[in-house]
């Protein structure tokens, strides 16, 4: 049975760092930031949108071949969910790992640190929006689509800790606990894209 591994979390949560040590060697890894970096070399205009499209094209290609692969995402939008549903229908097992940061301020600080060491920048407003919508989409949309999922507190990069894990379907008690947690932690937004 083919596998999709989703490494998710807000900007600055350590997804790319974890991928380098966690994923099996040689596993295809789809990362829109890396695709954007490649695109900037030849045409710097509109790279984020094009990188997102290319990521989805590569995802479709790998899925069409029935290969195991991994991808990195903030989960701040809903577009990937359609692909995840189709992959499950194709027989893929979906493993979702969410790297949690307790505040958007920490995400902003991590991205600033990354920029100081030569990494790519992201506008603060975007980081804050993605922190909120990514957490909400994880709990409300993506986590129920995963065969297994894990939430890791990555506040301290050298000492991550498991907050929660499970499989789908979930007991009713967990769904209620999850709903209460999201309600306390995340303010409603007008629209989660």
N, C-alpha and C. Protein backbone atom coordinates (compact mmCIF):
# COMPACT_ATOMS: atom_id res chain seq x y z
N UNK A 1 0.85 -1.18 0.00
CA UNK A 1 0.00 0.00 0.00
C UNK A 1 0.90 1.24 0.00
N UNK A 2 0.71 2.17 -0.96
CA UNK A 2 1.56 3.36 -1.00
C UNK A 2 1.26 4.31 0.15
N UNK A 3 2.28 5.11 0.50
CA UNK A 3 2.17 6.04 1.63
C UNK A 3 2.35 7.48 1.18
N UNK A 4 1.57 8.36 1.79
CA UNK A 4 1.79 9.80 1.71
C UNK A 4 2.11 10.25 3.12
N UNK A 5 3.25 10.90 3.28
CA UNK A 5 3.62 11.49 4.56
C UNK A 5 3.50 13.00 4.42
N UNK A 6 2.68 13.60 5.25
CA UNK A 6 2.51 15.05 5.24
C UNK A 6 3.20 15.62 6.47
N UNK A 7 4.21 16.47 6.24
CA UNK A 7 4.85 17.21 7.32
C UNK A 7 4.25 18.60 7.31
N UNK A 8 3.50 18.92 8.35
CA UNK A 8 2.74 20.16 8.38
C UNK A 8 3.11 20.99 9.60
N UNK A 9 2.73 22.25 9.54
CA UNK A 9 2.94 23.15 10.66
C UNK A 9 3.14 24.56 10.15
N UNK A 10 3.12 25.52 11.06
CA UNK A 10 3.27 26.91 10.63
C UNK A 10 4.67 27.18 10.08
N UNK A 11 4.80 28.31 9.42
CA UNK A 11 6.12 28.72 8.96
C UNK A 11 7.05 28.80 10.18
N UNK A 12 8.27 28.31 10.01
CA UNK A 12 9.24 28.36 11.10
C UNK A 12 9.13 27.23 12.10
N UNK A 13 8.26 26.27 11.87
CA UNK A 13 8.07 25.19 12.85
C UNK A 13 9.11 24.09 12.75
N UNK A 14 9.91 24.09 11.69
CA UNK A 14 10.96 23.09 11.57
C UNK A 14 10.67 21.95 10.61
N UNK A 15 9.72 22.15 9.72
CA UNK A 15 9.32 21.07 8.80
C UNK A 15 10.48 20.59 7.93
N UNK A 16 11.18 21.52 7.31
CA UNK A 16 12.29 21.14 6.43
C UNK A 16 13.41 20.47 7.21
N UNK A 17 13.68 20.97 8.40
CA UNK A 17 14.72 20.38 9.25
C UNK A 17 14.36 18.95 9.63
N UNK A 18 13.13 18.74 10.05
CA UNK A 18 12.67 17.39 10.42
C UNK A 18 12.73 16.47 9.21
N UNK A 19 12.34 16.98 8.05
CA UNK A 19 12.32 16.15 6.84
C UNK A 19 13.69 15.56 6.54
N UNK A 20 14.73 16.36 6.74
CA UNK A 20 16.09 15.89 6.43
C UNK A 20 16.51 14.70 7.30
N UNK A 21 15.99 14.61 8.50
CA UNK A 21 16.40 13.52 9.39
C UNK A 21 15.34 12.42 9.52
N UNK A 22 14.09 12.75 9.30
CA UNK A 22 12.99 11.83 9.57
C UNK A 22 12.61 10.96 8.37
N UNK A 23 12.61 11.53 7.19
CA UNK A 23 12.11 10.81 6.02
C UNK A 23 13.10 9.76 5.54
N UNK A 24 12.59 8.64 5.02
CA UNK A 24 13.48 7.61 4.47
C UNK A 24 14.32 8.19 3.32
N UNK A 25 15.57 7.77 3.26
CA UNK A 25 16.46 8.25 2.21
C UNK A 25 15.89 7.90 0.84
N UNK A 26 15.91 8.87 -0.05
CA UNK A 26 15.44 8.66 -1.41
C UNK A 26 13.95 8.85 -1.61
N UNK A 27 13.19 9.06 -0.53
CA UNK A 27 11.75 9.29 -0.68
C UNK A 27 11.53 10.65 -1.33
N UNK A 28 10.74 10.71 -2.41
CA UNK A 28 10.45 12.01 -3.01
C UNK A 28 9.79 12.93 -1.98
N UNK A 29 10.26 14.19 -1.94
CA UNK A 29 9.79 15.15 -0.95
C UNK A 29 9.38 16.43 -1.67
N UNK A 30 8.11 16.74 -1.61
CA UNK A 30 7.57 17.92 -2.28
C UNK A 30 7.52 19.09 -1.31
N UNK A 31 8.19 20.17 -1.69
CA UNK A 31 8.31 21.34 -0.84
C UNK A 31 8.18 22.57 -1.73
N UNK A 32 7.08 23.32 -1.59
CA UNK A 32 6.84 24.48 -2.45
C UNK A 32 7.94 25.53 -2.31
N UNK A 33 8.53 25.66 -1.12
CA UNK A 33 9.61 26.64 -0.94
C UNK A 33 10.83 26.28 -1.79
N UNK A 34 11.15 25.00 -1.85
CA UNK A 34 12.29 24.56 -2.67
C UNK A 34 11.98 24.71 -4.16
N UNK A 35 10.75 24.43 -4.54
CA UNK A 35 10.35 24.62 -5.94
C UNK A 35 10.43 26.10 -6.30
N UNK A 36 9.97 26.98 -5.40
CA UNK A 36 10.03 28.43 -5.64
C UNK A 36 11.47 28.89 -5.79
N UNK A 37 12.36 28.34 -4.97
CA UNK A 37 13.78 28.70 -5.06
C UNK A 37 14.32 28.36 -6.46
N UNK A 38 13.96 27.20 -6.98
CA UNK A 38 14.39 26.81 -8.33
C UNK A 38 13.83 27.77 -9.37
N UNK A 39 12.56 28.13 -9.24
CA UNK A 39 11.91 29.01 -10.22
C UNK A 39 12.51 30.41 -10.22
N UNK A 40 12.90 30.91 -9.05
CA UNK A 40 13.48 32.26 -8.95
C UNK A 40 14.75 32.40 -9.78
N UNK A 41 15.44 31.31 -10.02
CA UNK A 41 16.68 31.36 -10.79
C UNK A 41 16.43 31.80 -12.23
N UNK A 42 15.27 31.46 -12.78
CA UNK A 42 15.00 31.78 -14.18
C UNK A 42 13.96 32.88 -14.36
N UNK A 43 12.98 32.98 -13.46
CA UNK A 43 11.92 33.97 -13.60
C UNK A 43 11.34 34.28 -12.22
N UNK A 44 11.76 35.38 -11.59
CA UNK A 44 11.38 35.65 -10.21
C UNK A 44 9.94 36.12 -9.99
N UNK A 45 9.19 36.39 -11.05
CA UNK A 45 7.83 36.92 -10.89
C UNK A 45 6.81 35.81 -10.62
N UNK A 46 6.00 36.02 -9.59
CA UNK A 46 4.89 35.11 -9.30
C UNK A 46 5.30 33.69 -8.95
N UNK A 47 6.46 33.53 -8.33
CA UNK A 47 6.96 32.17 -8.10
C UNK A 47 6.12 31.37 -7.10
N UNK A 48 5.52 32.02 -6.11
CA UNK A 48 4.78 31.27 -5.10
C UNK A 48 3.60 30.53 -5.71
N UNK A 49 2.84 31.21 -6.56
CA UNK A 49 1.68 30.58 -7.20
C UNK A 49 2.14 29.46 -8.12
N UNK A 50 3.16 29.74 -8.92
CA UNK A 50 3.67 28.71 -9.84
C UNK A 50 4.24 27.53 -9.07
N UNK A 51 4.92 27.80 -7.96
CA UNK A 51 5.48 26.71 -7.15
C UNK A 51 4.37 25.83 -6.60
N UNK A 52 3.29 26.44 -6.14
CA UNK A 52 2.15 25.66 -5.65
C UNK A 52 1.56 24.77 -6.72
N UNK A 53 1.43 25.32 -7.92
CA UNK A 53 0.89 24.52 -9.04
C UNK A 53 1.83 23.37 -9.39
N UNK A 54 3.13 23.66 -9.43
CA UNK A 54 4.10 22.61 -9.75
C UNK A 54 4.10 21.52 -8.69
N UNK A 55 3.97 21.91 -7.43
CA UNK A 55 3.91 20.91 -6.36
C UNK A 55 2.73 19.97 -6.60
N UNK A 56 1.57 20.53 -6.92
CA UNK A 56 0.39 19.69 -7.16
C UNK A 56 0.57 18.81 -8.40
N UNK A 57 1.22 19.34 -9.44
CA UNK A 57 1.49 18.53 -10.63
C UNK A 57 2.41 17.36 -10.28
N UNK A 58 3.45 17.64 -9.49
CA UNK A 58 4.38 16.57 -9.09
C UNK A 58 3.68 15.56 -8.19
N UNK A 59 2.81 16.04 -7.32
CA UNK A 59 2.03 15.15 -6.47
C UNK A 59 1.20 14.21 -7.33
N UNK A 60 0.51 14.77 -8.32
CA UNK A 60 -0.32 13.95 -9.20
C UNK A 60 0.51 12.92 -9.96
N UNK A 61 1.70 13.31 -10.40
CA UNK A 61 2.58 12.40 -11.13
C UNK A 61 3.01 11.24 -10.24
N UNK A 62 3.47 11.54 -9.02
CA UNK A 62 3.90 10.49 -8.09
C UNK A 62 2.73 9.57 -7.73
N UNK A 63 1.57 10.17 -7.50
CA UNK A 63 0.38 9.37 -7.16
C UNK A 63 -0.02 8.48 -8.33
N UNK A 64 0.09 9.00 -9.55
CA UNK A 64 -0.23 8.21 -10.73
C UNK A 64 0.67 7.00 -10.88
N UNK A 65 1.90 7.12 -10.37
CA UNK A 65 2.85 6.01 -10.40
C UNK A 65 2.71 5.10 -9.18
N UNK A 66 1.85 5.50 -8.22
CA UNK A 66 1.66 4.70 -7.02
C UNK A 66 2.86 4.68 -6.09
N UNK A 67 3.66 5.75 -6.12
CA UNK A 67 4.88 5.80 -5.31
C UNK A 67 4.63 6.39 -3.93
N UNK A 68 5.42 5.96 -2.97
CA UNK A 68 5.46 6.62 -1.67
C UNK A 68 6.07 8.00 -1.88
N UNK A 69 5.56 9.00 -1.16
CA UNK A 69 6.18 10.32 -1.20
C UNK A 69 5.75 11.13 0.01
N UNK A 70 6.44 12.24 0.21
CA UNK A 70 6.15 13.13 1.33
C UNK A 70 5.99 14.54 0.80
N UNK A 71 5.27 15.35 1.55
CA UNK A 71 5.18 16.76 1.19
C UNK A 71 5.13 17.61 2.44
N UNK A 72 5.54 18.86 2.25
CA UNK A 72 5.57 19.84 3.32
C UNK A 72 4.50 20.88 3.05
N UNK A 73 3.79 21.27 4.11
CA UNK A 73 2.71 22.25 3.95
C UNK A 73 2.40 22.93 5.28
N UNK A 74 1.86 24.14 5.20
CA UNK A 74 1.37 24.80 6.41
C UNK A 74 -0.06 24.37 6.72
N UNK A 75 -0.71 23.69 5.80
CA UNK A 75 -2.13 23.29 5.91
C UNK A 75 -3.05 24.49 6.06
N UNK A 76 -2.61 25.67 5.64
CA UNK A 76 -3.42 26.87 5.85
C UNK A 76 -4.52 27.05 4.81
N UNK A 77 -4.60 26.15 3.85
CA UNK A 77 -5.65 26.21 2.84
C UNK A 77 -6.33 24.87 2.69
N UNK A 78 -7.35 24.85 1.87
CA UNK A 78 -8.17 23.65 1.70
C UNK A 78 -7.86 22.86 0.43
N UNK A 79 -7.07 23.41 -0.48
CA UNK A 79 -6.86 22.79 -1.79
C UNK A 79 -6.27 21.38 -1.70
N UNK A 80 -5.37 21.17 -0.78
CA UNK A 80 -4.72 19.87 -0.66
C UNK A 80 -5.70 18.77 -0.22
N UNK A 81 -6.74 19.15 0.51
CA UNK A 81 -7.69 18.16 1.03
C UNK A 81 -8.33 17.34 -0.08
N UNK A 82 -8.64 17.98 -1.20
CA UNK A 82 -9.24 17.26 -2.33
C UNK A 82 -8.28 16.18 -2.81
N UNK A 83 -6.99 16.52 -2.90
CA UNK A 83 -5.99 15.54 -3.34
C UNK A 83 -5.85 14.41 -2.32
N UNK A 84 -5.89 14.74 -1.04
CA UNK A 84 -5.76 13.71 0.00
C UNK A 84 -6.92 12.72 -0.09
N UNK A 85 -8.12 13.21 -0.29
CA UNK A 85 -9.28 12.33 -0.44
C UNK A 85 -9.08 11.39 -1.63
N UNK A 86 -8.63 11.94 -2.76
CA UNK A 86 -8.40 11.11 -3.95
C UNK A 86 -7.31 10.07 -3.70
N UNK A 87 -6.26 10.47 -3.00
CA UNK A 87 -5.18 9.52 -2.70
C UNK A 87 -5.68 8.38 -1.82
N UNK A 88 -6.50 8.69 -0.85
CA UNK A 88 -7.06 7.62 -0.02
C UNK A 88 -7.92 6.69 -0.86
N UNK A 89 -8.67 7.26 -1.79
CA UNK A 89 -9.50 6.42 -2.68
C UNK A 89 -8.63 5.53 -3.56
N UNK A 90 -7.40 5.98 -3.87
CA UNK A 90 -6.45 5.19 -4.66
C UNK A 90 -5.72 4.15 -3.81
N UNK A 91 -6.01 4.12 -2.52
CA UNK A 91 -5.38 3.13 -1.66
C UNK A 91 -4.19 3.64 -0.87
N UNK A 92 -3.92 4.94 -0.92
CA UNK A 92 -2.81 5.49 -0.15
C UNK A 92 -3.13 5.50 1.34
N UNK A 93 -2.11 5.19 2.14
CA UNK A 93 -2.17 5.44 3.58
C UNK A 93 -1.63 6.85 3.79
N UNK A 94 -2.34 7.64 4.57
CA UNK A 94 -1.96 9.03 4.81
C UNK A 94 -1.49 9.17 6.25
N UNK A 95 -0.24 9.60 6.40
CA UNK A 95 0.38 9.83 7.70
C UNK A 95 0.61 11.33 7.83
N UNK A 96 0.00 11.94 8.84
CA UNK A 96 0.05 13.39 9.01
C UNK A 96 0.79 13.73 10.30
N UNK A 97 1.86 14.50 10.15
CA UNK A 97 2.66 14.93 11.30
C UNK A 97 2.62 16.45 11.36
N UNK A 98 2.02 16.98 12.43
CA UNK A 98 1.87 18.43 12.58
C UNK A 98 2.85 18.93 13.63
N UNK A 99 3.74 19.84 13.21
CA UNK A 99 4.71 20.45 14.12
C UNK A 99 4.08 21.72 14.70
N UNK A 100 3.73 21.65 15.96
CA UNK A 100 3.00 22.72 16.64
C UNK A 100 3.95 23.74 17.24
N UNK A 101 3.61 25.01 17.09
CA UNK A 101 4.25 26.10 17.83
C UNK A 101 3.15 26.79 18.62
N UNK A 102 3.41 27.17 19.88
CA UNK A 102 2.34 27.68 20.74
C UNK A 102 1.85 29.08 20.41
N UNK A 103 2.57 29.82 19.56
CA UNK A 103 2.13 31.18 19.25
C UNK A 103 2.63 31.62 17.88
N UNK A 104 1.89 32.55 17.26
CA UNK A 104 2.39 33.10 16.01
C UNK A 104 3.66 33.92 16.22
N UNK A 105 3.83 34.47 17.42
CA UNK A 105 5.05 35.24 17.71
C UNK A 105 6.29 34.36 17.59
N UNK A 106 6.21 33.13 18.06
CA UNK A 106 7.35 32.23 17.94
C UNK A 106 7.60 31.89 16.48
N UNK A 107 6.55 31.70 15.71
CA UNK A 107 6.71 31.43 14.28
C UNK A 107 7.40 32.60 13.59
N UNK A 108 6.99 33.83 13.90
CA UNK A 108 7.61 35.03 13.32
C UNK A 108 9.09 35.08 13.71
N UNK A 109 9.39 34.84 14.98
CA UNK A 109 10.79 34.88 15.44
C UNK A 109 11.63 33.82 14.74
N UNK A 110 11.08 32.63 14.55
CA UNK A 110 11.83 31.56 13.87
C UNK A 110 12.13 31.93 12.42
N UNK A 111 11.15 32.51 11.74
CA UNK A 111 11.38 32.91 10.34
C UNK A 111 12.43 34.02 10.28
N UNK A 112 12.37 34.98 11.21
CA UNK A 112 13.39 36.04 11.24
C UNK A 112 14.78 35.45 11.43
N UNK A 113 14.89 34.46 12.31
CA UNK A 113 16.18 33.80 12.53
C UNK A 113 16.64 33.09 11.25
N UNK A 114 15.73 32.44 10.58
CA UNK A 114 16.05 31.75 9.33
C UNK A 114 16.58 32.73 8.29
N UNK A 115 15.96 33.90 8.20
CA UNK A 115 16.40 34.92 7.24
C UNK A 115 17.81 35.39 7.58
N UNK A 116 18.10 35.56 8.87
CA UNK A 116 19.45 35.99 9.29
C UNK A 116 20.52 34.98 8.89
N UNK A 117 20.13 33.73 8.73
CA UNK A 117 21.11 32.70 8.34
C UNK A 117 21.02 32.35 6.85
N UNK A 118 20.35 33.23 6.08
CA UNK A 118 20.32 33.04 4.63
C UNK A 118 19.08 32.37 4.08
N UNK A 119 18.11 32.06 4.93
CA UNK A 119 16.89 31.41 4.46
C UNK A 119 15.90 32.41 3.89
N UNK A 120 14.78 31.89 3.41
CA UNK A 120 13.79 32.74 2.76
C UNK A 120 12.88 33.43 3.76
N UNK A 121 12.42 34.61 3.37
CA UNK A 121 11.56 35.43 4.20
C UNK A 121 10.10 35.21 3.84
N UNK A 122 9.24 35.49 4.81
CA UNK A 122 7.79 35.45 4.61
C UNK A 122 7.23 36.66 5.36
N UNK A 123 6.32 37.40 4.77
CA UNK A 123 5.75 38.56 5.47
C UNK A 123 5.11 38.14 6.80
N UNK A 124 5.29 38.99 7.82
CA UNK A 124 4.76 38.67 9.15
C UNK A 124 3.26 38.43 9.13
N UNK A 125 2.54 39.23 8.38
CA UNK A 125 1.07 39.07 8.30
C UNK A 125 0.72 37.67 7.77
N UNK A 126 1.47 37.20 6.79
CA UNK A 126 1.23 35.87 6.22
C UNK A 126 1.53 34.78 7.24
N UNK A 127 2.62 34.94 7.98
CA UNK A 127 2.98 33.95 9.01
C UNK A 127 1.86 33.84 10.04
N UNK A 128 1.39 34.99 10.50
CA UNK A 128 0.33 35.00 11.51
C UNK A 128 -0.96 34.37 10.97
N UNK A 129 -1.34 34.70 9.75
CA UNK A 129 -2.55 34.13 9.15
C UNK A 129 -2.41 32.62 9.01
N UNK A 130 -1.25 32.17 8.53
CA UNK A 130 -1.04 30.73 8.34
C UNK A 130 -0.99 29.98 9.67
N UNK A 131 -0.45 30.61 10.72
CA UNK A 131 -0.40 29.95 12.03
C UNK A 131 -1.82 29.61 12.46
N UNK A 132 -2.70 30.60 12.36
CA UNK A 132 -4.08 30.40 12.80
C UNK A 132 -4.84 29.44 11.89
N UNK A 133 -4.82 29.70 10.59
CA UNK A 133 -5.62 28.87 9.68
C UNK A 133 -5.06 27.46 9.56
N UNK A 134 -3.73 27.31 9.67
CA UNK A 134 -3.14 25.98 9.61
C UNK A 134 -3.57 25.09 10.76
N UNK A 135 -3.60 25.66 11.96
CA UNK A 135 -4.03 24.90 13.13
C UNK A 135 -5.51 24.52 13.01
N UNK A 136 -6.30 25.48 12.58
CA UNK A 136 -7.73 25.21 12.43
C UNK A 136 -7.96 24.14 11.35
N UNK A 137 -7.29 24.27 10.21
CA UNK A 137 -7.48 23.30 9.13
C UNK A 137 -6.96 21.91 9.53
N UNK A 138 -5.89 21.88 10.32
CA UNK A 138 -5.40 20.57 10.78
C UNK A 138 -6.52 19.85 11.52
N UNK A 139 -7.08 20.50 12.53
CA UNK A 139 -8.08 19.84 13.36
C UNK A 139 -9.41 19.63 12.66
N UNK A 140 -9.85 20.62 11.90
CA UNK A 140 -11.19 20.55 11.31
C UNK A 140 -11.24 19.80 9.99
N UNK A 141 -10.15 19.78 9.24
CA UNK A 141 -10.20 19.26 7.88
C UNK A 141 -9.24 18.11 7.64
N UNK A 142 -7.95 18.32 7.90
CA UNK A 142 -6.95 17.33 7.48
C UNK A 142 -6.80 16.15 8.43
N UNK A 143 -6.83 16.40 9.72
CA UNK A 143 -6.63 15.31 10.68
C UNK A 143 -7.66 14.19 10.49
N UNK A 144 -8.93 14.50 10.25
CA UNK A 144 -9.88 13.40 10.01
C UNK A 144 -9.63 12.62 8.72
N UNK A 145 -8.85 13.18 7.79
CA UNK A 145 -8.54 12.49 6.54
C UNK A 145 -7.35 11.54 6.65
N UNK A 146 -6.59 11.66 7.74
CA UNK A 146 -5.37 10.87 7.88
C UNK A 146 -5.65 9.51 8.50
N UNK A 147 -4.92 8.51 8.02
CA UNK A 147 -5.00 7.18 8.64
C UNK A 147 -4.37 7.21 10.02
N UNK A 148 -3.27 7.93 10.13
CA UNK A 148 -2.66 8.16 11.44
C UNK A 148 -2.12 9.57 11.47
N UNK A 149 -2.11 10.17 12.65
CA UNK A 149 -1.66 11.54 12.80
C UNK A 149 -0.93 11.70 14.12
N UNK A 150 -0.10 12.72 14.16
CA UNK A 150 0.72 12.99 15.34
C UNK A 150 0.90 14.50 15.43
N UNK A 151 0.74 15.05 16.62
CA UNK A 151 1.01 16.47 16.87
C UNK A 151 2.24 16.54 17.76
N UNK A 152 3.25 17.26 17.29
CA UNK A 152 4.51 17.38 18.01
C UNK A 152 4.72 18.84 18.40
N UNK A 153 4.95 19.09 19.69
CA UNK A 153 5.31 20.43 20.14
C UNK A 153 6.77 20.66 19.79
N UNK A 154 7.01 21.55 18.86
CA UNK A 154 8.37 21.82 18.40
C UNK A 154 8.85 23.18 18.87
N UNK A 155 8.36 23.60 20.06
CA UNK A 155 8.77 24.87 20.64
C UNK A 155 10.27 24.90 20.82
N UNK A 156 10.83 23.81 21.32
CA UNK A 156 12.27 23.68 21.49
C UNK A 156 12.77 22.72 20.42
N UNK A 157 13.53 23.24 19.48
CA UNK A 157 13.94 22.43 18.33
C UNK A 157 14.71 21.17 18.72
N UNK A 158 15.47 21.25 19.81
CA UNK A 158 16.28 20.09 20.19
C UNK A 158 15.55 19.12 21.12
N UNK A 159 14.29 19.44 21.48
CA UNK A 159 13.56 18.56 22.38
C UNK A 159 12.06 18.56 22.06
N UNK A 160 11.69 18.10 20.86
CA UNK A 160 10.26 18.07 20.53
C UNK A 160 9.53 17.03 21.38
N UNK A 161 8.26 17.28 21.63
CA UNK A 161 7.47 16.34 22.42
C UNK A 161 6.13 16.07 21.79
N UNK A 162 5.67 14.84 21.88
CA UNK A 162 4.38 14.46 21.31
C UNK A 162 3.26 15.00 22.20
N UNK A 163 2.35 15.73 21.59
CA UNK A 163 1.19 16.27 22.30
C UNK A 163 0.01 15.31 22.18
N UNK A 164 -0.22 14.84 20.97
CA UNK A 164 -1.37 13.96 20.72
C UNK A 164 -1.09 13.11 19.50
N UNK A 165 -1.76 11.97 19.44
CA UNK A 165 -1.64 11.11 18.26
C UNK A 165 -2.90 10.27 18.17
N UNK A 166 -3.12 9.71 17.02
CA UNK A 166 -4.30 8.88 16.88
C UNK A 166 -4.46 8.35 15.47
N UNK A 167 -5.56 7.67 15.30
CA UNK A 167 -5.92 7.13 14.00
C UNK A 167 -7.35 7.56 13.71
N UNK A 168 -7.74 7.42 12.48
CA UNK A 168 -9.10 7.76 12.09
C UNK A 168 -9.84 6.44 11.90
N UNK A 169 -11.06 6.29 12.34
CA UNK A 169 -11.92 7.29 12.96
C UNK A 169 -11.57 7.51 14.43
N UNK A 170 -12.07 8.61 14.96
CA UNK A 170 -11.78 8.98 16.34
C UNK A 170 -13.00 8.77 17.23
N UNK A 171 -12.74 8.51 18.50
CA UNK A 171 -13.85 8.44 19.44
C UNK A 171 -14.51 9.81 19.60
N UNK A 172 -15.78 9.81 19.92
CA UNK A 172 -16.53 11.06 20.08
C UNK A 172 -15.90 11.95 21.15
N UNK A 173 -15.37 11.36 22.22
CA UNK A 173 -14.76 12.16 23.28
C UNK A 173 -13.57 12.96 22.75
N UNK A 174 -12.77 12.36 21.88
CA UNK A 174 -11.62 13.08 21.32
C UNK A 174 -12.10 14.22 20.42
N UNK A 175 -13.13 13.97 19.62
CA UNK A 175 -13.64 15.03 18.73
C UNK A 175 -14.09 16.23 19.55
N UNK A 176 -14.75 15.99 20.69
CA UNK A 176 -15.21 17.10 21.52
C UNK A 176 -14.02 17.81 22.17
N UNK A 177 -13.06 17.07 22.67
CA UNK A 177 -11.87 17.67 23.27
C UNK A 177 -11.14 18.53 22.24
N UNK A 178 -11.03 18.02 21.02
CA UNK A 178 -10.37 18.74 19.94
C UNK A 178 -11.12 20.03 19.64
N UNK A 179 -12.43 19.97 19.54
CA UNK A 179 -13.23 21.15 19.25
C UNK A 179 -13.06 22.21 20.35
N UNK A 180 -13.06 21.77 21.61
CA UNK A 180 -12.86 22.70 22.72
C UNK A 180 -11.48 23.35 22.66
N UNK A 181 -10.46 22.57 22.33
CA UNK A 181 -9.10 23.09 22.25
C UNK A 181 -8.99 24.15 21.15
N UNK A 182 -9.51 23.83 19.98
CA UNK A 182 -9.43 24.78 18.87
C UNK A 182 -10.18 26.06 19.22
N UNK A 183 -11.33 25.93 19.85
CA UNK A 183 -12.12 27.11 20.21
C UNK A 183 -11.34 28.01 21.18
N UNK A 184 -10.61 27.42 22.12
CA UNK A 184 -9.83 28.21 23.08
C UNK A 184 -8.60 28.83 22.44
N UNK A 185 -7.94 28.11 21.52
CA UNK A 185 -6.63 28.52 21.00
C UNK A 185 -6.70 29.40 19.76
N UNK A 186 -7.73 29.25 18.96
CA UNK A 186 -7.75 29.92 17.67
C UNK A 186 -8.99 30.79 17.56
N UNK A 187 -8.78 32.06 17.25
CA UNK A 187 -9.90 32.95 17.03
C UNK A 187 -10.50 32.67 15.66
N UNK A 188 -11.80 32.79 15.54
CA UNK A 188 -12.42 32.55 14.23
C UNK A 188 -11.90 33.55 13.20
N UNK A 189 -11.78 33.11 11.98
CA UNK A 189 -11.41 34.00 10.89
C UNK A 189 -12.60 34.13 9.96
N UNK A 190 -12.60 35.19 9.18
CA UNK A 190 -13.71 35.38 8.26
C UNK A 190 -13.73 34.28 7.21
N UNK A 191 -12.53 33.91 6.75
CA UNK A 191 -12.46 32.91 5.69
C UNK A 191 -11.14 32.17 5.82
N UNK A 192 -11.21 30.87 5.80
CA UNK A 192 -10.01 30.05 5.82
C UNK A 192 -9.84 29.47 4.43
N UNK A 193 -8.81 29.94 3.74
CA UNK A 193 -8.57 29.46 2.37
C UNK A 193 -7.63 28.31 2.37
